[in-house]
Amino acid sequence: MLNRSIAIAAFVLLGSISAFAAEDASMKGTWSRGDGNARVKIDNCGSALCATNLWIKPGTPSEKVGDKLIMNVTSSGNGKYEGKAQDPQRGLTYNLQVDVKGASMTTRGCVLAKIVCKSVTWTRTP
């Protein structure tokens, strides 16, 4: 009986760790941009994910609270995502690569046949 209780407790603990690891590699959540000028929330919006500006540092040009980036990405595992992102405010579509590692995320968006690219770092916030 004791062995069965230990086995059940171990199963529950391992399940909790696995669920945490899966969530840990998810893009969903609230993120602060590395330059400190923005905070976004990434969540489902239809069949895509949307990054919605929650806060923008006053004086930051061409960005405002409520702006959205619509991301159609697929996961290749281990916190890596790839796909397209549409920016309706600027009328641009980006090739997008995302790498989530724990509380850090790096996004790389490219335009013009992947000639012009920019990487941005993010930190998960509570």
C-alpha atoms as a PDB file:
ATOM      1  CA  MET A   1       0.000   0.000   0.000  1.00  0.00           C
ATOM      2  CA  LEU A   2       2.834   2.380   0.858  1.00  0.00           C
ATOM      3  CA  ASN A   3       4.572   1.657  -2.470  1.00  0.00           C
ATOM      4  CA  ARG A   4       1.353   2.426  -4.335  1.00  0.00           C
ATOM      5  CA  SER A   5       1.012   5.760  -2.487  1.00  0.00           C
ATOM      6  CA  ILE A   6       4.613   6.634  -3.336  1.00  0.00           C
ATOM      7  CA  ALA A   7       4.040   5.705  -6.986  1.00  0.00           C
ATOM      8  CA  ILE A   8       0.900   7.871  -7.149  1.00  0.00           C
ATOM      9  CA  ALA A   9       2.697  10.804  -5.487  1.00  0.00           C
ATOM     10  CA  ALA A  10       5.621  10.451  -7.919  1.00  0.00           C
ATOM     11  CA  PHE A  11       3.224  10.348 -10.888  1.00  0.00           C
ATOM     12  CA  VAL A  12       1.440  13.503  -9.699  1.00  0.00           C
ATOM     13  CA  LEU A  13       4.758  15.274  -9.089  1.00  0.00           C
ATOM     14  CA  LEU A  14       6.158  14.306 -12.512  1.00  0.00           C
ATOM     15  CA  GLY A  15       2.899  15.383 -14.155  1.00  0.00           C
ATOM     16  CA  SER A  16       3.164  18.764 -12.445  1.00  0.00           C
ATOM     17  CA  ILE A  17       6.762  19.179 -13.564  1.00  0.00           C
ATOM     18  CA  SER A  18       5.851  18.263 -17.151  1.00  0.00           C
ATOM     19  CA  ALA A  19       2.943  20.711 -17.163  1.00  0.00           C
ATOM     20  CA  PHE A  20       5.244  23.433 -15.802  1.00  0.00           C
ATOM     21  CA  ALA A  21       7.877  22.703 -18.461  1.00  0.00           C
ATOM     22  CA  ALA A  22       5.272  22.850 -21.232  1.00  0.00           C
ATOM     23  CA  GLU A  23       3.932  26.156 -19.920  1.00  0.00           C
ATOM     24  CA  ASP A  24       7.470  27.419 -19.420  1.00  0.00           C
ATOM     25  CA  ALA A  25       8.173  27.052 -23.185  1.00  0.00           C
ATOM     26  CA  SER A  26       4.869  28.664 -24.195  1.00  0.00           C
ATOM     27  CA  MET A  27       4.770  32.069 -25.841  1.00  0.00           C
ATOM     28  CA  LYS A  28       1.535  32.833 -23.992  1.00  0.00           C
ATOM     29  CA  GLY A  29       1.777  35.242 -21.103  1.00  0.00           C
ATOM     30  CA  THR A  30       2.910  38.770 -20.310  1.00  0.00           C
ATOM     31  CA  TRP A  31       6.335  39.883 -21.531  1.00  0.00           C
ATOM     32  CA  SER A  32       8.486  42.999 -21.042  1.00  0.00           C
ATOM     33  CA  ARG A  33      10.632  44.080 -23.976  1.00  0.00           C
ATOM     34  CA  GLY A  34      14.383  44.183 -23.341  1.00  0.00           C
ATOM     35  CA  ASP A  35      14.659  47.936 -23.958  1.00  0.00           C
ATOM     36  CA  GLY A  36      12.042  48.591 -21.254  1.00  0.00           C
ATOM     37  CA  ASN A  37       9.762  50.476 -23.649  1.00  0.00           C
ATOM     38  CA  ALA A  38       6.883  47.995 -23.903  1.00  0.00           C
ATOM     39  CA  ARG A  39       4.919  45.266 -22.162  1.00  0.00           C
ATOM     40  CA  VAL A  40       2.754  42.869 -24.178  1.00  0.00           C
ATOM     41  CA  LYS A  41       0.338  40.046 -23.516  1.00  0.00           C
ATOM     42  CA  ILE A  42       0.448  37.068 -25.858  1.00  0.00           C
ATOM     43  CA  ASP A  43      -2.708  34.983 -26.010  1.00  0.00           C
ATOM     44  CA  ASN A  44      -5.031  33.222 -28.428  1.00  0.00           C
ATOM     45  CA  CYS A  45      -6.975  35.301 -30.920  1.00  0.00           C
ATOM     46  CA  GLY A  46      -8.948  33.030 -33.190  1.00  0.00           C
ATOM     47  CA  SER A  47      -6.646  30.378 -34.645  1.00  0.00           C
ATOM     48  CA  ALA A  48      -3.576  32.623 -34.212  1.00  0.00           C
ATOM     49  CA  LEU A  49      -1.727  34.202 -31.302  1.00  0.00           C
ATOM     50  CA  CYS A  50      -1.852  37.945 -30.710  1.00  0.00           C
ATOM     51  CA  ALA A  51       0.715  40.080 -28.941  1.00  0.00           C
ATOM     52  CA  THR A  52      -1.214  43.071 -27.624  1.00  0.00           C
ATOM     53  CA  ASN A  53       0.547  46.139 -26.220  1.00  0.00           C
ATOM     54  CA  LEU A  54      -0.477  46.546 -22.568  1.00  0.00           C
ATOM     55  CA  TRP A  55       1.912  49.389 -21.773  1.00  0.00           C
ATOM     56  CA  ILE A  56       4.168  51.628 -23.870  1.00  0.00           C
ATOM     57  CA  LYS A  57       6.754  53.969 -22.361  1.00  0.00           C
ATOM     58  CA  PRO A  58       5.587  57.558 -22.820  1.00  0.00           C
ATOM     59  CA  GLY A  59       7.312  59.211 -25.759  1.00  0.00           C
ATOM     60  CA  THR A  60       7.866  55.941 -27.643  1.00  0.00           C
ATOM     61  CA  PRO A  61       7.156  56.834 -31.279  1.00  0.00           C
ATOM     62  CA  SER A  62       4.745  54.869 -33.513  1.00  0.00           C
ATOM     63  CA  GLU A  63       3.525  52.483 -30.805  1.00  0.00           C
ATOM     64  CA  LYS A  64       0.455  52.671 -28.635  1.00  0.00           C
ATOM     65  CA  VAL A  65      -1.453  50.625 -26.094  1.00  0.00           C
ATOM     66  CA  GLY A  66      -3.822  48.208 -27.822  1.00  0.00           C
ATOM     67  CA  ASP A  67      -1.694  47.686 -30.962  1.00  0.00           C
ATOM     68  CA  LYS A  68      -1.647  44.006 -31.960  1.00  0.00           C
ATOM     69  CA  LEU A  69       0.736  41.720 -33.779  1.00  0.00           C
ATOM     70  CA  ILE A  70      -1.074  38.666 -35.179  1.00  0.00           C
ATOM     71  CA  MET A  71       1.175  35.604 -35.212  1.00  0.00           C
ATOM     72  CA  ASN A  72       0.529  32.405 -37.152  1.00  0.00           C
ATOM     73  CA  VAL A  73       3.320  30.186 -35.869  1.00  0.00           C
ATOM     74  CA  THR A  74       3.976  26.501 -35.433  1.00  0.00           C
ATOM     75  CA  SER A  75       6.081  24.925 -32.742  1.00  0.00           C
ATOM     76  CA  SER A  76       9.078  22.803 -33.667  1.00  0.00           C
ATOM     77  CA  GLY A  77       9.497  21.804 -30.006  1.00  0.00           C
ATOM     78  CA  ASN A  78      11.838  22.945 -27.234  1.00  0.00           C
ATOM     79  CA  GLY A  79      10.285  26.436 -27.151  1.00  0.00           C
ATOM     80  CA  LYS A  80      11.025  27.192 -30.815  1.00  0.00           C
ATOM     81  CA  TYR A  81       8.347  28.646 -33.090  1.00  0.00           C
ATOM     82  CA  GLU A  82       8.347  29.787 -36.702  1.00  0.00           C
ATOM     83  CA  GLY A  83       5.825  31.389 -39.017  1.00  0.00           C
ATOM     84  CA  LYS A  84       4.420  34.752 -40.083  1.00  0.00           C
ATOM     85  CA  ALA A  85       3.395  37.830 -38.134  1.00  0.00           C
ATOM     86  CA  GLN A  86       1.055  40.519 -39.419  1.00  0.00           C
ATOM     87  CA  ASP A  87       1.272  44.070 -38.152  1.00  0.00           C
ATOM     88  CA  PRO A  88      -2.049  45.714 -39.129  1.00  0.00           C
ATOM     89  CA  GLN A  89      -0.973  49.130 -37.768  1.00  0.00           C
ATOM     90  CA  ARG A  90       1.970  49.335 -40.192  1.00  0.00           C
ATOM     91  CA  GLY A  91       0.626  47.106 -42.969  1.00  0.00           C
ATOM     92  CA  LEU A  92       3.618  44.768 -42.722  1.00  0.00           C
ATOM     93  CA  THR A  93       4.033  40.994 -42.681  1.00  0.00           C
ATOM     94  CA  TYR A  94       7.142  39.512 -41.106  1.00  0.00           C
ATOM     95  CA  ASN A  95       8.819  36.125 -41.237  1.00  0.00           C
ATOM     96  CA  LEU A  96       8.990  35.295 -37.539  1.00  0.00           C
ATOM     97  CA  GLN A  97      11.200  33.053 -35.429  1.00  0.00           C
ATOM     98  CA  VAL A  98      10.696  32.781 -31.674  1.00  0.00           C
ATOM     99  CA  ASP A  99      12.830  31.040 -29.063  1.00  0.00           C
ATOM    100  CA  VAL A 100      11.413  30.687 -25.530  1.00  0.00           C
ATOM    101  CA  LYS A 101      13.740  29.534 -22.760  1.00  0.00           C
ATOM    102  CA  GLY A 102      12.235  29.736 -19.296  1.00  0.00           C
ATOM    103  CA  ALA A 103      11.505  33.369 -18.483  1.00  0.00           C
ATOM    104  CA  SER A 104      13.319  34.647 -21.594  1.00  0.00           C
ATOM    105  CA  MET A 105      12.123  34.949 -25.160  1.00  0.00           C
ATOM    106  CA  THR A 106      13.883  36.128 -28.299  1.00  0.00           C
ATOM    107  CA  THR A 107      11.884  37.153 -31.354  1.00  0.00           C
ATOM    108  CA  ARG A 108      13.397  37.665 -34.800  1.00  0.00           C
ATOM    109  CA  GLY A 109      11.283  39.350 -37.444  1.00  0.00           C
ATOM    110  CA  CYS A 110      12.399  39.731 -41.068  1.00  0.00           C
ATOM    111  CA  VAL A 111      10.999  41.559 -44.100  1.00  0.00           C
ATOM    112  CA  LEU A 112      12.125  41.917 -47.719  1.00  0.00           C
ATOM    113  CA  ALA A 113      12.846  38.220 -48.374  1.00  0.00           C
ATOM    114  CA  LYS A 114      14.545  37.900 -44.965  1.00  0.00           C
ATOM    115  CA  ILE A 115      17.120  40.571 -45.887  1.00  0.00           C
ATOM    116  CA  VAL A 116      16.134  43.093 -43.187  1.00  0.00           C
ATOM    117  CA  CYS A 117      15.805  41.462 -39.758  1.00  0.00           C
ATOM    118  CA  LYS A 118      15.569  42.588 -36.151  1.00  0.00           C
ATOM    119  CA  SER A 119      15.876  40.535 -32.976  1.00  0.00           C
ATOM    120  CA  VAL A 120      14.263  41.568 -29.698  1.00  0.00           C
ATOM    121  CA  THR A 121      14.668  40.030 -26.257  1.00  0.00           C
ATOM    122  CA  TRP A 122      11.795  39.720 -23.773  1.00  0.00           C
ATOM    123  CA  THR A 123      11.398  38.772 -20.121  1.00  0.00           C
ATOM    124  CA  ARG A 124       8.311  37.018 -18.774  1.00  0.00           C
ATOM    125  CA  THR A 125       6.521  39.107 -16.152  1.00  0.00           C
ATOM    126  CA  PRO A 126       3.926  37.979 -13.606  1.00  0.00           C
END
